[in-house]
Amino acid sequence: MEKYTGILEKIIMKAQSDLKTIVLPESKDIRVLKAANIIVKNNIANIIIIGERSIIENICKENNIVLDSNIKIIDNKKSNKLEEYALNLYELRKNKNITLEKARVLLEDEVYFATMMVKLEEADGMVSGACHSTSDTLRPALQIIKAKEEINTVSAFFLMESPKKEYGSDGVFIFADCGLVEFPTKEQLYDIVKSSVVSFKTLVDYDSPRVAMLSYSTKGSAKNERIDNIINVTNRLKSENIDFDIDGELQLDAAIVKEVARFKAPESNVAGRANILIFPDLQAGNIGYKLVQRFGDALALGPITQGLNRPINDLSRGCDVKDIVGAVAITSVQAQNNNM
């Protein structure tokens, strides 16, 4: 296995400590097959691949891949679980005018079938997106797995690791939401914060989440309705019995640079020390993570989905084998936390 370092090495070690079963529905993608081999051979997770065995074997033969015998292959179109899954999907979606026949047709799609496996706890999580769009991966998840009742909002974050270890938690941050919620309302921002704290505790450090609600303003240096939303969410959370620190509104430099924080927000318990950055909208979040990745030479892992009842994660279609291994490790650790 290629050498993994830093936060990803720690996540892989966590995954190895309690093996979970992750289903991969993209059996025709060479990158997925290569990653599956690495994952199983290094005891990162148990793997189920969805697809027709003869097609998978031909792809492996053509590309000199010897698929590990411990990888389970399920042909969704011939599975003896097909009718059971169809009945369950029908019950879940009949109020949306789905028929039993339509449910059977949907399950001919590998992603829908894999999502039902996760729903019925025959797999602990799913990773897709190497050759599917984000909507094709997450639509079944939103329909079948659904958001956690206490959260309501499904969002996405990037796990960022900067070579500048003086920032964040030894260089590690969570950036949210950088992938799903375009213009979050106050309620959605609240949910994104709560989910991001859980994600930080699960993947990085249980004891020290420090949330900065980002803006172009620090502590009243500007005023508008969007900033009022940030302040409202911050004050609401501070009034609750939370086990993390939060402050806002804060400019990025005030949030992470101690010297700037001393001038701009000297009384803040987060300024200069933040490790969870909550962006005001998707444009800011997406631009922010890419700037840090490209200009700051930071590792960017994601987008990672949060707020679902069970972990489903979406890959970039430009991903490589290492990205898939990392996504499976992250999904496995999320599944460990799901069972706590």
Protein backbone atom coordinates (compact mmCIF):
# COMPACT_ATOMS: atom_id res chain seq x y z
CA MET A 1 0.00 0.00 0.00
CA GLU A 2 1.19 3.51 -0.78
CA LYS A 3 2.39 5.22 2.38
CA TYR A 4 -0.26 7.33 4.06
CA THR A 5 0.78 9.98 6.58
CA GLY A 6 -0.79 12.57 8.84
CA ILE A 7 -4.51 12.61 9.48
CA LEU A 8 -5.28 10.00 6.82
CA GLU A 9 -2.86 7.53 8.43
CA LYS A 10 -4.66 8.05 11.76
CA ILE A 11 -8.06 7.49 10.13
CA ILE A 12 -6.86 4.29 8.44
CA MET A 13 -5.59 3.02 11.78
CA LYS A 14 -8.99 3.76 13.35
CA ALA A 15 -10.72 1.89 10.52
CA GLN A 16 -8.41 -1.10 11.02
CA SER A 17 -9.26 -1.26 14.73
CA ASP A 18 -12.92 -2.20 14.08
CA LEU A 19 -13.56 -3.49 10.55
CA LYS A 20 -16.74 -2.33 8.88
CA THR A 21 -18.32 -3.52 5.64
CA ILE A 22 -18.41 -0.94 2.86
CA VAL A 23 -20.26 -1.48 -0.41
CA LEU A 24 -18.86 -0.16 -3.71
CA PRO A 25 -21.42 -0.07 -6.54
CA GLU A 26 -19.04 0.94 -9.36
CA SER A 27 -17.60 -2.43 -10.36
CA LYS A 28 -16.78 -1.39 -13.93
CA ASP A 29 -14.27 1.24 -12.81
CA ILE A 30 -10.66 0.01 -12.71
CA ARG A 31 -9.77 2.48 -9.95
CA VAL A 32 -12.48 1.02 -7.71
CA LEU A 33 -11.29 -2.55 -8.29
CA LYS A 34 -7.67 -1.61 -7.55
CA ALA A 35 -8.72 0.28 -4.42
CA ALA A 36 -10.85 -2.65 -3.25
CA ASN A 37 -7.78 -4.90 -3.39
CA ILE A 38 -5.70 -2.45 -1.35
CA ILE A 39 -8.45 -1.99 1.25
CA VAL A 40 -8.98 -5.71 1.83
CA LYS A 41 -5.31 -6.68 1.76
CA ASN A 42 -4.53 -4.02 4.37
CA ASN A 43 -7.52 -4.82 6.60
CA ILE A 44 -9.05 -1.35 6.29
CA ALA A 45 -12.59 -2.65 5.66
CA ASN A 46 -14.57 -5.58 4.36
CA ILE A 47 -15.65 -4.86 0.78
CA ILE A 48 -18.74 -5.76 -1.23
CA ILE A 49 -18.74 -4.94 -4.94
CA ILE A 50 -22.03 -4.72 -6.84
CA GLY A 51 -22.07 -6.01 -10.41
CA GLU A 52 -22.09 -8.99 -12.73
CA ARG A 53 -19.26 -11.36 -11.85
CA SER A 54 -18.35 -12.25 -15.44
CA ILE A 55 -18.02 -8.58 -16.43
CA ILE A 56 -15.89 -7.84 -13.35
CA GLU A 57 -13.66 -10.84 -14.08
CA ASN A 58 -13.19 -9.73 -17.71
CA ILE A 59 -12.24 -6.20 -16.64
CA CYS A 60 -9.75 -7.62 -14.14
CA LYS A 61 -8.26 -9.94 -16.76
CA GLU A 62 -7.89 -7.13 -19.31
CA ASN A 63 -6.14 -4.92 -16.75
CA ASN A 64 -3.96 -7.55 -15.00
CA ILE A 65 -5.87 -7.22 -11.73
CA VAL A 66 -6.13 -10.27 -9.47
CA LEU A 67 -9.15 -9.54 -7.32
CA ASP A 68 -8.71 -10.58 -3.69
CA SER A 69 -10.80 -13.66 -2.88
CA ASN A 70 -12.12 -11.96 0.28
CA ILE A 71 -13.94 -9.33 -1.76
CA LYS A 72 -17.61 -10.24 -1.99
CA ILE A 73 -19.34 -9.75 -5.36
CA ILE A 74 -23.14 -9.39 -5.53
CA ASP A 75 -25.02 -9.21 -8.82
CA ASN A 76 -27.93 -6.95 -7.95
CA LYS A 77 -29.99 -8.15 -10.92
CA LYS A 78 -29.77 -11.80 -9.81
CA SER A 79 -29.70 -11.35 -6.04
CA ASN A 80 -32.05 -13.47 -3.94
CA LYS A 81 -32.60 -10.31 -1.89
CA LEU A 82 -34.10 -8.41 -4.81
CA GLU A 83 -37.75 -8.92 -3.90
CA GLU A 84 -37.13 -8.19 -0.20
CA TYR A 85 -35.34 -4.97 -1.13
CA ALA A 86 -38.10 -3.99 -3.57
CA LEU A 87 -40.77 -4.45 -0.89
CA ASN A 88 -38.78 -2.37 1.58
CA LEU A 89 -38.13 0.36 -0.98
CA TYR A 90 -41.83 0.40 -1.90
CA GLU A 91 -42.80 0.82 1.77
CA LEU A 92 -40.29 3.64 2.19
CA ARG A 93 -41.40 5.55 -0.91
CA LYS A 94 -45.07 4.65 -1.51
CA ASN A 95 -46.16 8.06 -0.22
CA LYS A 96 -44.11 9.47 -3.13
CA ASN A 97 -46.23 7.48 -5.60
CA ILE A 98 -43.66 4.75 -6.20
CA THR A 99 -45.10 1.37 -7.19
CA LEU A 100 -43.65 -2.03 -6.37
CA GLU A 101 -42.73 -2.47 -10.04
CA LYS A 102 -40.97 0.90 -10.08
CA ALA A 103 -39.05 -0.15 -6.95
CA ARG A 104 -37.88 -3.30 -8.75
CA VAL A 105 -36.70 -1.21 -11.70
CA LEU A 106 -34.82 1.23 -9.45
CA LEU A 107 -32.96 -1.66 -7.83
CA GLU A 108 -31.51 -2.62 -11.21
CA ASP A 109 -29.35 0.46 -10.60
CA GLU A 110 -26.30 -0.57 -8.58
CA VAL A 111 -26.31 2.61 -6.47
CA TYR A 112 -29.94 2.14 -5.38
CA PHE A 113 -29.26 -1.51 -4.58
CA ALA A 114 -26.13 -0.65 -2.56
CA THR A 115 -28.03 2.08 -0.70
CA MET A 116 -30.72 -0.44 0.27
CA MET A 117 -27.98 -2.73 1.58
CA VAL A 118 -26.88 0.07 3.90
CA LYS A 119 -30.46 0.86 4.89
CA LEU A 120 -31.12 -2.77 5.83
CA GLU A 121 -27.77 -2.97 7.68
CA GLU A 122 -26.25 -5.56 5.35
CA ALA A 123 -23.43 -3.07 4.81
CA ASP A 124 -22.20 -0.35 7.15
CA GLY A 125 -21.66 2.32 4.52
CA MET A 126 -21.32 3.07 0.82
CA VAL A 127 -18.79 4.93 -1.32
CA SER A 128 -19.69 5.93 -4.89
CA GLY A 129 -19.04 8.72 -7.37
CA ALA A 130 -15.98 7.56 -9.34
CA CYS A 131 -18.22 7.29 -12.39
CA HIS A 132 -21.51 8.66 -11.04
CA SER A 133 -22.51 12.27 -10.49
CA THR A 134 -23.02 13.62 -6.98
CA SER A 135 -26.78 13.66 -7.55
CA ASP A 136 -26.77 10.02 -8.70
CA THR A 137 -24.90 9.05 -5.53
CA LEU A 138 -26.75 11.19 -3.00
CA ARG A 139 -30.31 11.14 -4.37
CA PRO A 140 -30.86 7.51 -3.29
CA ALA A 141 -29.23 8.27 0.06
CA LEU A 142 -31.55 11.23 0.71
CA GLN A 143 -34.57 9.16 -0.33
CA ILE A 144 -33.69 5.96 1.53
CA ILE A 145 -31.19 6.66 4.33
CA LYS A 146 -32.46 10.19 5.06
CA ALA A 147 -31.20 12.84 7.46
CA LYS A 148 -30.86 12.25 11.17
CA GLU A 149 -33.95 13.47 13.02
CA GLU A 150 -31.91 15.59 15.41
CA ILE A 151 -30.01 17.21 12.53
CA ASN A 152 -32.50 17.51 9.60
CA THR A 153 -29.88 18.96 7.21
CA VAL A 154 -27.50 16.80 5.18
CA SER A 155 -24.32 18.74 4.47
CA ALA A 156 -20.75 18.15 3.29
CA PHE A 157 -17.33 19.05 4.58
CA PHE A 158 -13.70 18.81 3.60
CA LEU A 159 -11.08 17.50 5.97
CA MET A 160 -8.11 19.78 5.35
CA GLU A 161 -4.52 19.20 6.46
CA SER A 162 -2.10 22.10 6.06
CA PRO A 163 1.68 21.75 6.25
CA LYS A 164 1.53 24.81 8.54
CA LYS A 165 1.08 22.93 11.81
CA GLU A 166 0.66 26.10 13.87
CA TYR A 167 -2.89 26.45 12.54
CA GLY A 168 -5.95 24.44 13.52
CA SER A 169 -5.28 21.11 15.24
CA ASP A 170 -1.71 20.46 14.17
CA GLY A 171 -2.64 21.75 10.72
CA VAL A 172 -5.98 19.91 10.50
CA PHE A 173 -9.35 21.63 9.94
CA ILE A 174 -12.90 20.84 8.98
CA PHE A 175 -14.34 23.23 6.36
CA ALA A 176 -18.15 23.20 6.01
CA ASP A 177 -20.35 23.37 4.04
CA CYS A 178 -18.27 23.12 0.88
CA GLY A 179 -20.40 20.71 -1.11
CA LEU A 180 -24.18 20.69 -0.68
CA VAL A 181 -26.13 23.54 0.97
CA GLU A 182 -25.94 26.56 -1.31
CA PHE A 183 -27.44 29.35 0.81
CA PRO A 184 -27.93 27.97 4.33
CA THR A 185 -30.71 29.38 6.46
CA LYS A 186 -30.24 29.96 10.19
CA GLU A 187 -31.63 26.49 10.89
CA GLN A 188 -29.36 24.89 8.31
CA LEU A 189 -26.29 26.73 9.63
CA TYR A 190 -27.17 25.45 13.11
CA ASP A 191 -27.38 21.88 11.77
CA ILE A 192 -24.11 22.26 9.82
CA VAL A 193 -22.31 23.33 13.00
CA LYS A 194 -23.68 20.41 15.03
CA SER A 195 -22.80 17.89 12.30
CA SER A 196 -19.33 19.36 11.81
CA VAL A 197 -18.54 19.05 15.50
CA VAL A 198 -19.55 15.36 15.41
CA SER A 199 -17.39 14.87 12.32
CA PHE A 200 -14.42 16.56 13.98
CA LYS A 201 -14.79 14.42 17.11
CA THR A 202 -15.11 11.27 14.99
CA LEU A 203 -12.20 11.86 12.65
CA VAL A 204 -9.78 14.26 14.34
CA ASP A 205 -9.99 14.92 18.08
CA TYR A 206 -12.85 14.31 20.49
CA ASP A 207 -11.75 16.85 23.09
CA SER A 208 -11.01 20.11 21.31
CA PRO A 209 -13.53 21.23 18.65
CA ARG A 210 -13.41 25.03 18.26
CA VAL A 211 -15.88 26.47 15.77
CA ALA A 212 -15.44 29.79 13.96
CA MET A 213 -18.45 31.21 12.14
CA LEU A 214 -16.72 32.95 9.25
CA SER A 215 -17.62 36.28 7.67
CA TYR A 216 -15.99 39.33 6.12
CA SER A 217 -16.73 40.99 9.46
CA THR A 218 -15.30 40.48 12.95
CA LYS A 219 -17.39 41.30 16.00
CA GLY A 220 -19.58 43.99 14.46
CA SER A 221 -17.14 45.61 12.04
CA ALA A 222 -19.93 45.30 9.43
CA LYS A 223 -23.67 44.70 9.64
CA ASN A 224 -26.25 43.06 7.38
CA GLU A 225 -28.90 40.35 7.47
CA ARG A 226 -26.50 37.53 6.56
CA ILE A 227 -24.15 38.50 9.41
CA ASP A 228 -27.16 38.69 11.75
CA ASN A 229 -27.90 35.05 10.86
CA ILE A 230 -24.35 34.04 11.82
CA ILE A 231 -24.58 35.90 15.14
CA ASN A 232 -28.02 34.41 15.82
CA VAL A 233 -26.75 30.84 15.34
CA THR A 234 -23.65 31.52 17.43
CA ASN A 235 -25.66 32.95 20.33
CA ARG A 236 -28.23 30.16 20.13
CA LEU A 237 -25.54 27.50 20.43
CA LYS A 238 -23.74 29.35 23.22
CA SER A 239 -27.01 29.38 25.18
CA GLU A 240 -27.27 25.59 24.97
CA ASN A 241 -25.42 22.96 26.97
CA ILE A 242 -22.78 22.32 24.29
CA ASP A 243 -19.43 20.58 24.76
CA PHE A 244 -17.48 22.65 22.25
CA ASP A 245 -16.34 26.26 21.82
CA ILE A 246 -17.92 28.51 19.21
CA ASP A 247 -17.61 32.17 18.27
CA GLY A 248 -18.57 34.48 15.45
CA GLU A 249 -18.74 36.41 13.38
CA LEU A 250 -15.00 36.17 12.68
CA GLN A 251 -12.86 36.98 9.67
CA LEU A 252 -10.61 34.12 8.57
CA ASP A 253 -7.40 35.69 9.87
CA ALA A 254 -8.99 36.44 13.25
CA ALA A 255 -10.21 32.85 13.42
CA ILE A 256 -6.88 31.11 12.89
CA VAL A 257 -4.00 33.58 13.46
CA LYS A 258 -3.28 34.23 17.15
CA GLU A 259 -1.54 37.55 16.55
CA VAL A 260 -4.53 38.90 14.60
CA ALA A 261 -7.00 37.50 17.13
CA ARG A 262 -5.35 39.50 19.93
CA PHE A 263 -6.29 42.73 18.14
CA LYS A 264 -9.62 41.84 16.53
CA ALA A 265 -11.22 39.53 19.11
CA PRO A 266 -9.15 39.58 22.31
CA GLU A 267 -11.93 38.15 24.52
CA SER A 268 -12.82 35.24 22.20
CA ASN A 269 -12.12 31.67 23.31
CA VAL A 270 -12.00 30.57 19.65
CA ALA A 271 -10.25 33.36 17.75
CA GLY A 272 -6.75 32.39 16.71
CA ARG A 273 -7.39 28.74 17.63
CA ALA A 274 -10.30 27.61 15.44
CA ASN A 275 -10.19 24.15 13.86
CA ILE A 276 -13.74 24.01 12.43
CA LEU A 277 -14.49 26.74 9.89
CA ILE A 278 -18.16 27.30 9.03
CA PHE A 279 -18.60 29.28 5.83
CA PRO A 280 -21.62 31.55 5.26
CA ASP A 281 -22.54 29.89 1.96
CA LEU A 282 -21.46 27.25 -0.54
CA GLN A 283 -19.64 29.66 -2.85
CA ALA A 284 -17.37 30.88 -0.03
CA GLY A 285 -16.78 27.35 1.24
CA ASN A 286 -15.96 25.85 -2.14
CA ILE A 287 -13.65 28.72 -3.13
CA GLY A 288 -12.03 28.67 0.32
CA TYR A 289 -11.08 25.00 0.36
CA LYS A 290 -9.70 25.15 -3.19
CA LEU A 291 -7.57 28.21 -2.39
CA VAL A 292 -6.09 26.46 0.64
CA GLN A 293 -5.56 23.26 -1.35
CA ARG A 294 -3.91 24.88 -4.37
CA PHE A 295 -2.06 27.88 -2.91
CA GLY A 296 -1.43 26.44 0.55
CA ASP A 297 -0.41 22.93 -0.52
CA ALA A 298 -3.01 21.46 1.84
CA LEU A 299 -4.44 17.94 1.63
CA ALA A 300 -8.18 18.11 0.91
CA LEU A 301 -10.22 15.01 1.73
CA GLY A 302 -13.82 15.18 0.59
CA PRO A 303 -16.49 16.14 0.06
CA ILE A 304 -17.51 14.01 3.04
CA THR A 305 -21.22 13.74 3.74
CA GLN A 306 -22.56 14.38 7.23
CA GLY A 307 -26.02 14.34 8.79
CA LEU A 308 -27.26 11.09 7.23
CA ASN A 309 -28.55 8.23 9.38
CA ARG A 310 -25.84 5.97 7.95
CA PRO A 311 -22.65 6.96 6.11
CA ILE A 312 -22.78 7.42 2.33
CA ASN A 313 -19.90 9.25 0.66
CA ASP A 314 -19.43 10.74 -2.77
CA LEU A 315 -16.18 10.60 -4.73
CA SER A 316 -14.99 13.10 -7.29
CA ARG A 317 -15.08 11.63 -10.80
CA GLY A 318 -11.45 12.72 -11.07
CA CYS A 319 -10.46 10.66 -8.02
CA ASP A 320 -7.50 8.29 -7.97
CA VAL A 321 -7.06 4.96 -6.20
CA LYS A 322 -5.63 6.66 -3.10
CA ASP A 323 -8.71 8.90 -2.86
CA ILE A 324 -11.00 5.86 -2.91
CA VAL A 325 -9.01 4.10 -0.20
CA GLY A 326 -9.19 7.26 1.92
CA ALA A 327 -12.94 7.66 1.36
CA VAL A 328 -13.57 4.05 2.40
CA ALA A 329 -11.46 4.51 5.55
CA ILE A 330 -13.38 7.68 6.45
CA THR A 331 -16.72 5.98 5.80
CA SER A 332 -15.67 3.07 8.01
CA VAL A 333 -14.77 5.38 10.91
CA GLN A 334 -18.09 7.22 10.48
CA ALA A 335 -19.82 3.83 10.67
CA GLN A 336 -17.95 3.01 13.88
CA ASN A 337 -19.25 6.23 15.40
CA ASN A 338 -22.75 5.48 14.08
CA ASN A 339 -22.85 2.33 16.20
CA MET A 340 -21.73 4.03 19.42
